[in-house]
Amino acid sequence: MNASATDTGQSFVYNDLASLGRLKTQSKADPSAALGEVAKQFESVFVSMMMKAMRNTLPKDGMFASNELENYQEMFDQQLSLDMSRKGGLGLADLISRQMAMAQGFESEAPAVRTDLMDPVVRDAGRDAGNAP
């Protein structure tokens, strides 16, 4: 699951539609293994939408404003979001895969997630004791 693109022979390019076919085949053969990949792709889509919304807040006028620049920025943002999700990103993929694994009954294969850090009381108690997470 942690193999790089060169180890598996797969390319991690935002417009690689063949990867969806491979994922579909993998999900039929081994659903628990495909779960992590689906979660990473979902995180990638989420980050891409977030970056697009952030870019929409910027002014559209200026010396370099053009449709071509917007197209290249969108391609860059999509690739960046894919790369971020492959390298850990926001951690959303781990949480999604854990939740989905529990819902599907793959609990023993779900990655461990420290949910205690989400509780402000536990988090603040750790800081007070000198055990910052």
N, C-alpha and C. Protein backbone atom coordinates (compact mmCIF):
# COMPACT_ATOMS: atom_id res chain seq x y z
N MET A 1 0.82 -1.19 0.00
CA MET A 1 0.00 0.00 0.00
C MET A 1 0.86 1.26 0.00
N ASN A 2 2.02 1.20 0.59
CA ASN A 2 2.90 2.36 0.65
C ASN A 2 3.91 2.38 -0.49
N ALA A 3 3.69 1.59 -1.50
CA ALA A 3 4.62 1.53 -2.62
C ALA A 3 4.56 2.83 -3.42
N SER A 4 5.70 3.20 -3.95
CA SER A 4 5.73 4.41 -4.77
C SER A 4 5.25 4.09 -6.17
N ALA A 5 5.07 5.13 -6.96
CA ALA A 5 4.57 4.95 -8.32
C ALA A 5 5.54 4.12 -9.15
N THR A 6 6.84 4.25 -8.92
CA THR A 6 7.80 3.50 -9.71
C THR A 6 7.84 2.04 -9.29
N ASP A 7 7.52 1.73 -8.02
CA ASP A 7 7.52 0.35 -7.56
C ASP A 7 6.37 -0.44 -8.18
N THR A 8 5.23 0.18 -8.33
CA THR A 8 4.05 -0.52 -8.81
C THR A 8 3.84 -0.37 -10.30
N GLY A 9 4.59 0.50 -10.94
CA GLY A 9 4.41 0.73 -12.36
C GLY A 9 3.23 1.63 -12.66
N GLN A 10 2.60 2.18 -11.65
CA GLN A 10 1.45 3.06 -11.84
C GLN A 10 1.91 4.50 -11.82
N SER A 11 1.23 5.30 -12.65
CA SER A 11 1.52 6.73 -12.62
C SER A 11 0.46 7.40 -11.76
N PHE A 12 0.88 8.39 -11.01
CA PHE A 12 -0.04 9.14 -10.19
C PHE A 12 -0.17 10.53 -10.79
N VAL A 13 -0.90 10.58 -11.90
CA VAL A 13 -1.13 11.81 -12.61
C VAL A 13 -2.62 12.10 -12.54
N TYR A 14 -2.97 13.35 -12.34
CA TYR A 14 -4.37 13.70 -12.10
C TYR A 14 -5.32 13.27 -13.21
N ASN A 15 -4.84 13.15 -14.43
CA ASN A 15 -5.72 12.79 -15.55
C ASN A 15 -5.58 11.33 -15.98
N ASP A 16 -5.05 10.48 -15.12
CA ASP A 16 -4.88 9.06 -15.42
C ASP A 16 -6.19 8.32 -15.15
N LEU A 17 -7.03 8.23 -16.17
CA LEU A 17 -8.34 7.59 -16.01
C LEU A 17 -8.23 6.07 -15.96
N ALA A 18 -7.13 5.51 -16.44
CA ALA A 18 -6.94 4.06 -16.39
C ALA A 18 -6.79 3.58 -14.94
N SER A 19 -6.36 4.48 -14.05
CA SER A 19 -6.21 4.08 -12.65
C SER A 19 -7.56 3.74 -12.03
N LEU A 20 -8.64 4.35 -12.53
CA LEU A 20 -9.96 4.02 -12.02
C LEU A 20 -10.35 2.59 -12.38
N GLY A 21 -9.98 2.16 -13.58
CA GLY A 21 -10.22 0.78 -13.99
C GLY A 21 -9.43 -0.21 -13.14
N ARG A 22 -8.16 0.14 -12.87
CA ARG A 22 -7.34 -0.73 -12.01
C ARG A 22 -7.92 -0.80 -10.61
N LEU A 23 -8.41 0.32 -10.12
CA LEU A 23 -8.99 0.36 -8.78
C LEU A 23 -10.26 -0.48 -8.72
N LYS A 24 -11.06 -0.44 -9.77
CA LYS A 24 -12.29 -1.23 -9.82
C LYS A 24 -11.95 -2.72 -9.78
N THR A 25 -10.94 -3.12 -10.55
CA THR A 25 -10.51 -4.52 -10.56
C THR A 25 -9.97 -4.93 -9.20
N GLN A 26 -9.17 -4.05 -8.60
CA GLN A 26 -8.59 -4.34 -7.29
C GLN A 26 -9.67 -4.45 -6.22
N SER A 27 -10.70 -3.62 -6.31
CA SER A 27 -11.75 -3.65 -5.30
C SER A 27 -12.56 -4.94 -5.35
N LYS A 28 -12.66 -5.54 -6.54
CA LYS A 28 -13.36 -6.82 -6.65
C LYS A 28 -12.51 -7.95 -6.10
N ALA A 29 -11.19 -7.88 -6.34
CA ALA A 29 -10.29 -8.93 -5.88
C ALA A 29 -10.00 -8.84 -4.39
N ASP A 30 -9.75 -7.64 -3.90
CA ASP A 30 -9.39 -7.45 -2.49
C ASP A 30 -9.96 -6.13 -1.99
N PRO A 31 -11.20 -6.13 -1.53
CA PRO A 31 -11.85 -4.88 -1.13
C PRO A 31 -11.13 -4.13 -0.02
N SER A 32 -10.54 -4.85 0.92
CA SER A 32 -9.88 -4.16 2.03
C SER A 32 -8.63 -3.41 1.57
N ALA A 33 -7.94 -3.93 0.57
CA ALA A 33 -6.74 -3.26 0.06
C ALA A 33 -7.12 -2.03 -0.78
N ALA A 34 -8.24 -2.09 -1.47
CA ALA A 34 -8.67 -0.98 -2.31
C ALA A 34 -9.21 0.18 -1.48
N LEU A 35 -9.57 -0.09 -0.26
CA LEU A 35 -10.17 0.93 0.60
C LEU A 35 -9.24 2.12 0.82
N GLY A 36 -7.98 1.86 1.06
CA GLY A 36 -7.01 2.94 1.27
C GLY A 36 -6.84 3.80 0.03
N GLU A 37 -6.83 3.17 -1.13
CA GLU A 37 -6.67 3.91 -2.38
C GLU A 37 -7.89 4.80 -2.64
N VAL A 38 -9.07 4.27 -2.37
CA VAL A 38 -10.29 5.07 -2.56
C VAL A 38 -10.27 6.27 -1.61
N ALA A 39 -9.84 6.06 -0.38
CA ALA A 39 -9.77 7.15 0.59
C ALA A 39 -8.77 8.22 0.13
N LYS A 40 -7.63 7.79 -0.43
CA LYS A 40 -6.65 8.76 -0.93
C LYS A 40 -7.20 9.56 -2.10
N GLN A 41 -7.93 8.88 -2.98
CA GLN A 41 -8.51 9.60 -4.11
C GLN A 41 -9.58 10.58 -3.64
N PHE A 42 -10.35 10.19 -2.64
CA PHE A 42 -11.36 11.12 -2.10
C PHE A 42 -10.67 12.33 -1.48
N GLU A 43 -9.61 12.10 -0.73
CA GLU A 43 -8.88 13.22 -0.14
C GLU A 43 -8.32 14.13 -1.22
N SER A 44 -7.85 13.55 -2.30
CA SER A 44 -7.32 14.33 -3.41
C SER A 44 -8.40 15.21 -4.03
N VAL A 45 -9.58 14.65 -4.23
CA VAL A 45 -10.69 15.43 -4.79
C VAL A 45 -11.08 16.55 -3.82
N PHE A 46 -11.12 16.25 -2.53
CA PHE A 46 -11.47 17.25 -1.53
C PHE A 46 -10.46 18.39 -1.51
N VAL A 47 -9.18 18.07 -1.52
CA VAL A 47 -8.14 19.10 -1.50
C VAL A 47 -8.19 19.92 -2.79
N SER A 48 -8.45 19.27 -3.92
CA SER A 48 -8.55 19.97 -5.19
C SER A 48 -9.70 20.98 -5.16
N MET A 49 -10.85 20.57 -4.62
CA MET A 49 -11.99 21.48 -4.52
C MET A 49 -11.68 22.65 -3.57
N MET A 50 -10.97 22.34 -2.50
CA MET A 50 -10.59 23.37 -1.55
C MET A 50 -9.64 24.39 -2.20
N MET A 51 -8.68 23.91 -2.96
CA MET A 51 -7.74 24.81 -3.62
C MET A 51 -8.44 25.65 -4.69
N LYS A 52 -9.40 25.04 -5.39
CA LYS A 52 -10.15 25.79 -6.40
C LYS A 52 -10.96 26.90 -5.73
N ALA A 53 -11.57 26.61 -4.60
CA ALA A 53 -12.32 27.64 -3.87
C ALA A 53 -11.39 28.74 -3.38
N MET A 54 -10.19 28.38 -2.95
CA MET A 54 -9.23 29.38 -2.49
C MET A 54 -8.79 30.27 -3.65
N ARG A 55 -8.55 29.66 -4.80
CA ARG A 55 -8.14 30.45 -5.98
C ARG A 55 -9.25 31.39 -6.44
N ASN A 56 -10.51 31.00 -6.26
CA ASN A 56 -11.63 31.84 -6.67
C ASN A 56 -11.73 33.11 -5.84
N THR A 57 -11.07 33.15 -4.69
CA THR A 57 -11.10 34.36 -3.87
C THR A 57 -10.10 35.40 -4.36
N LEU A 58 -9.17 35.00 -5.23
CA LEU A 58 -8.15 35.93 -5.74
C LEU A 58 -8.73 36.79 -6.85
N PRO A 59 -8.22 37.99 -7.01
CA PRO A 59 -8.70 38.85 -8.11
C PRO A 59 -8.37 38.23 -9.47
N LYS A 60 -9.28 38.39 -10.41
CA LYS A 60 -9.11 37.80 -11.75
C LYS A 60 -8.49 38.76 -12.75
N ASP A 61 -8.23 39.98 -12.33
CA ASP A 61 -7.65 40.95 -13.25
C ASP A 61 -6.16 41.08 -12.97
N GLY A 62 -5.48 41.69 -13.87
CA GLY A 62 -4.05 41.89 -13.72
C GLY A 62 -3.34 41.67 -15.03
N MET A 63 -2.06 41.91 -15.00
CA MET A 63 -1.27 41.83 -16.22
C MET A 63 -1.20 40.40 -16.78
N PHE A 64 -1.17 39.40 -15.89
CA PHE A 64 -1.00 38.02 -16.35
C PHE A 64 -2.31 37.24 -16.36
N ALA A 65 -3.44 37.87 -16.17
CA ALA A 65 -4.72 37.18 -16.15
C ALA A 65 -5.09 36.71 -17.55
N SER A 66 -5.36 35.43 -17.68
CA SER A 66 -5.79 34.86 -18.97
C SER A 66 -6.44 33.51 -18.72
N ASN A 67 -7.17 33.05 -19.70
CA ASN A 67 -7.78 31.72 -19.60
C ASN A 67 -6.73 30.62 -19.54
N GLU A 68 -5.64 30.82 -20.26
CA GLU A 68 -4.57 29.83 -20.27
C GLU A 68 -3.96 29.68 -18.88
N LEU A 69 -3.72 30.82 -18.22
CA LEU A 69 -3.16 30.77 -16.87
C LEU A 69 -4.10 30.04 -15.92
N GLU A 70 -5.39 30.30 -16.04
CA GLU A 70 -6.37 29.61 -15.19
C GLU A 70 -6.34 28.11 -15.45
N ASN A 71 -6.23 27.70 -16.72
CA ASN A 71 -6.16 26.27 -17.04
C ASN A 71 -4.92 25.62 -16.43
N TYR A 72 -3.77 26.27 -16.57
CA TYR A 72 -2.55 25.71 -16.02
C TYR A 72 -2.59 25.68 -14.49
N GLN A 73 -3.17 26.68 -13.88
CA GLN A 73 -3.28 26.67 -12.43
C GLN A 73 -4.21 25.56 -11.95
N GLU A 74 -5.27 25.31 -12.69
CA GLU A 74 -6.19 24.22 -12.33
C GLU A 74 -5.50 22.86 -12.45
N MET A 75 -4.73 22.67 -13.53
CA MET A 75 -3.99 21.41 -13.69
C MET A 75 -2.96 21.26 -12.58
N PHE A 76 -2.26 22.34 -12.25
CA PHE A 76 -1.28 22.31 -11.17
C PHE A 76 -1.94 21.97 -9.84
N ASP A 77 -3.06 22.59 -9.56
CA ASP A 77 -3.76 22.33 -8.31
C ASP A 77 -4.23 20.88 -8.21
N GLN A 78 -4.72 20.33 -9.32
CA GLN A 78 -5.17 18.94 -9.31
C GLN A 78 -4.01 17.98 -9.07
N GLN A 79 -2.87 18.25 -9.72
CA GLN A 79 -1.71 17.39 -9.51
C GLN A 79 -1.16 17.55 -8.10
N LEU A 80 -1.13 18.77 -7.61
CA LEU A 80 -0.66 19.02 -6.24
C LEU A 80 -1.53 18.31 -5.22
N SER A 81 -2.83 18.36 -5.42
CA SER A 81 -3.74 17.69 -4.48
C SER A 81 -3.54 16.18 -4.51
N LEU A 82 -3.29 15.61 -5.68
CA LEU A 82 -3.01 14.18 -5.78
C LEU A 82 -1.71 13.83 -5.07
N ASP A 83 -0.66 14.64 -5.29
CA ASP A 83 0.61 14.39 -4.63
C ASP A 83 0.49 14.53 -3.10
N MET A 84 -0.27 15.51 -2.67
CA MET A 84 -0.46 15.69 -1.23
C MET A 84 -1.16 14.48 -0.61
N SER A 85 -2.17 13.97 -1.27
CA SER A 85 -2.89 12.83 -0.72
C SER A 85 -2.02 11.57 -0.71
N ARG A 86 -1.11 11.44 -1.67
CA ARG A 86 -0.21 10.29 -1.72
C ARG A 86 0.83 10.33 -0.59
N LYS A 87 1.16 11.51 -0.12
CA LYS A 87 2.21 11.66 0.88
C LYS A 87 1.67 11.97 2.27
N GLY A 88 0.42 11.66 2.51
CA GLY A 88 -0.13 11.89 3.83
C GLY A 88 -1.11 13.03 3.88
N GLY A 89 -0.86 14.05 3.09
CA GLY A 89 -1.79 15.17 2.96
C GLY A 89 -2.32 15.71 4.27
N LEU A 90 -3.62 15.80 4.36
CA LEU A 90 -4.28 16.34 5.54
C LEU A 90 -4.57 15.26 6.57
N GLY A 91 -4.34 14.02 6.24
CA GLY A 91 -4.67 12.92 7.13
C GLY A 91 -6.11 12.47 6.99
N LEU A 92 -6.81 13.07 6.07
CA LEU A 92 -8.21 12.74 5.85
C LEU A 92 -8.37 11.31 5.32
N ALA A 93 -7.47 10.87 4.46
CA ALA A 93 -7.55 9.52 3.89
C ALA A 93 -7.44 8.46 4.97
N ASP A 94 -6.57 8.66 5.94
CA ASP A 94 -6.43 7.70 7.03
C ASP A 94 -7.72 7.59 7.84
N LEU A 95 -8.31 8.73 8.14
CA LEU A 95 -9.55 8.73 8.91
C LEU A 95 -10.69 8.08 8.13
N ILE A 96 -10.78 8.38 6.84
CA ILE A 96 -11.83 7.80 6.01
C ILE A 96 -11.64 6.29 5.89
N SER A 97 -10.42 5.84 5.64
CA SER A 97 -10.20 4.41 5.47
C SER A 97 -10.47 3.66 6.77
N ARG A 98 -10.14 4.27 7.90
CA ARG A 98 -10.43 3.63 9.19
C ARG A 98 -11.94 3.53 9.40
N GLN A 99 -12.65 4.61 9.15
CA GLN A 99 -14.10 4.60 9.33
C GLN A 99 -14.77 3.60 8.40
N MET A 100 -14.35 3.58 7.15
CA MET A 100 -14.95 2.66 6.18
C MET A 100 -14.58 1.21 6.51
N ALA A 101 -13.37 0.97 6.99
CA ALA A 101 -12.96 -0.39 7.36
C ALA A 101 -13.82 -0.90 8.51
N MET A 102 -14.09 -0.04 9.47
CA MET A 102 -14.95 -0.45 10.58
C MET A 102 -16.37 -0.72 10.09
N ALA A 103 -16.86 0.11 9.17
CA ALA A 103 -18.22 -0.07 8.65
C ALA A 103 -18.34 -1.34 7.81
N GLN A 104 -17.26 -1.71 7.12
CA GLN A 104 -17.28 -2.90 6.26
C GLN A 104 -16.86 -4.17 6.99
N GLY A 105 -16.41 -4.04 8.23
CA GLY A 105 -16.01 -5.21 9.00
C GLY A 105 -14.56 -5.61 8.83
N PHE A 106 -13.73 -4.69 8.34
CA PHE A 106 -12.29 -4.96 8.20
C PHE A 106 -11.52 -4.36 9.37
N GLU A 107 -12.09 -4.33 10.55
CA GLU A 107 -11.51 -3.61 11.69
C GLU A 107 -10.07 -4.01 11.98
N SER A 108 -9.75 -5.28 11.88
CA SER A 108 -8.40 -5.72 12.22
C SER A 108 -7.36 -5.17 11.26
N GLU A 109 -7.78 -4.80 10.04
CA GLU A 109 -6.85 -4.29 9.03
C GLU A 109 -6.83 -2.77 8.98
N ALA A 110 -7.68 -2.13 9.77
CA ALA A 110 -7.76 -0.67 9.74
C ALA A 110 -6.54 -0.07 10.43
N PRO A 111 -5.96 0.98 9.84
CA PRO A 111 -4.80 1.62 10.48
C PRO A 111 -5.21 2.30 11.77
N ALA A 112 -4.29 2.31 12.72
CA ALA A 112 -4.56 2.93 14.01
C ALA A 112 -4.55 4.46 13.86
N VAL A 113 -5.55 5.08 14.40
CA VAL A 113 -5.66 6.54 14.37
C VAL A 113 -5.81 7.01 15.80
N ARG A 114 -5.04 8.00 16.20
CA ARG A 114 -5.11 8.52 17.56
C ARG A 114 -6.24 9.54 17.65
N THR A 115 -7.41 9.06 17.98
CA THR A 115 -8.56 9.95 18.10
C THR A 115 -8.55 10.71 19.41
N ASP A 116 -7.73 10.27 20.38
CA ASP A 116 -7.70 10.97 21.66
C ASP A 116 -7.14 12.39 21.51
N LEU A 117 -6.38 12.63 20.46
CA LEU A 117 -5.83 13.97 20.25
C LEU A 117 -6.89 14.95 19.77
N MET A 118 -8.03 14.43 19.33
CA MET A 118 -9.12 15.30 18.89
C MET A 118 -9.89 15.88 20.06
N ASP A 119 -9.78 15.27 21.23
CA ASP A 119 -10.47 15.74 22.43
C ASP A 119 -9.64 16.85 23.06
N PRO A 120 -10.16 18.08 23.16
CA PRO A 120 -9.37 19.19 23.69
C PRO A 120 -8.93 18.97 25.13
N VAL A 121 -9.71 18.25 25.92
CA VAL A 121 -9.33 18.01 27.32
C VAL A 121 -8.08 17.14 27.39
N VAL A 122 -8.06 16.06 26.59
CA VAL A 122 -6.90 15.17 26.56
C VAL A 122 -5.69 15.90 25.99
N ARG A 123 -5.91 16.66 24.92
CA ARG A 123 -4.81 17.38 24.27
C ARG A 123 -4.21 18.40 25.23
N ASP A 124 -5.05 19.17 25.92
CA ASP A 124 -4.55 20.19 26.85
C ASP A 124 -3.88 19.55 28.07
N ALA A 125 -4.40 18.41 28.53
CA ALA A 125 -3.80 17.72 29.67
C ALA A 125 -2.40 17.24 29.33
N GLY A 126 -2.20 16.80 28.10
CA GLY A 126 -0.87 16.36 27.66
C GLY A 126 0.11 17.51 27.61
N ARG A 127 -0.34 18.68 27.22
CA ARG A 127 0.54 19.84 27.19
C ARG A 127 0.91 20.30 28.58
N ASP A 128 -0.08 20.25 29.50
CA ASP A 128 0.19 20.67 30.87
C ASP A 128 1.21 19.75 31.54
N ALA A 129 1.18 18.48 31.19
CA ALA A 129 2.11 17.52 31.80
C ALA A 129 3.46 17.52 31.09
N GLY A 130 3.60 18.35 30.05
CA GLY A 130 4.87 18.40 29.32
C GLY A 130 4.98 17.33 28.24
N ASN A 131 3.89 16.68 27.92
CA ASN A 131 3.87 15.65 26.88
C ASN A 131 3.16 16.14 25.65
N ALA A 132 3.68 17.13 25.02
CA ALA A 132 3.05 17.71 23.82
C ALA A 132 3.00 16.66 22.73
N PRO A 133 1.86 16.49 22.04
CA PRO A 133 1.75 15.49 20.97
C PRO A 133 2.58 15.83 19.77
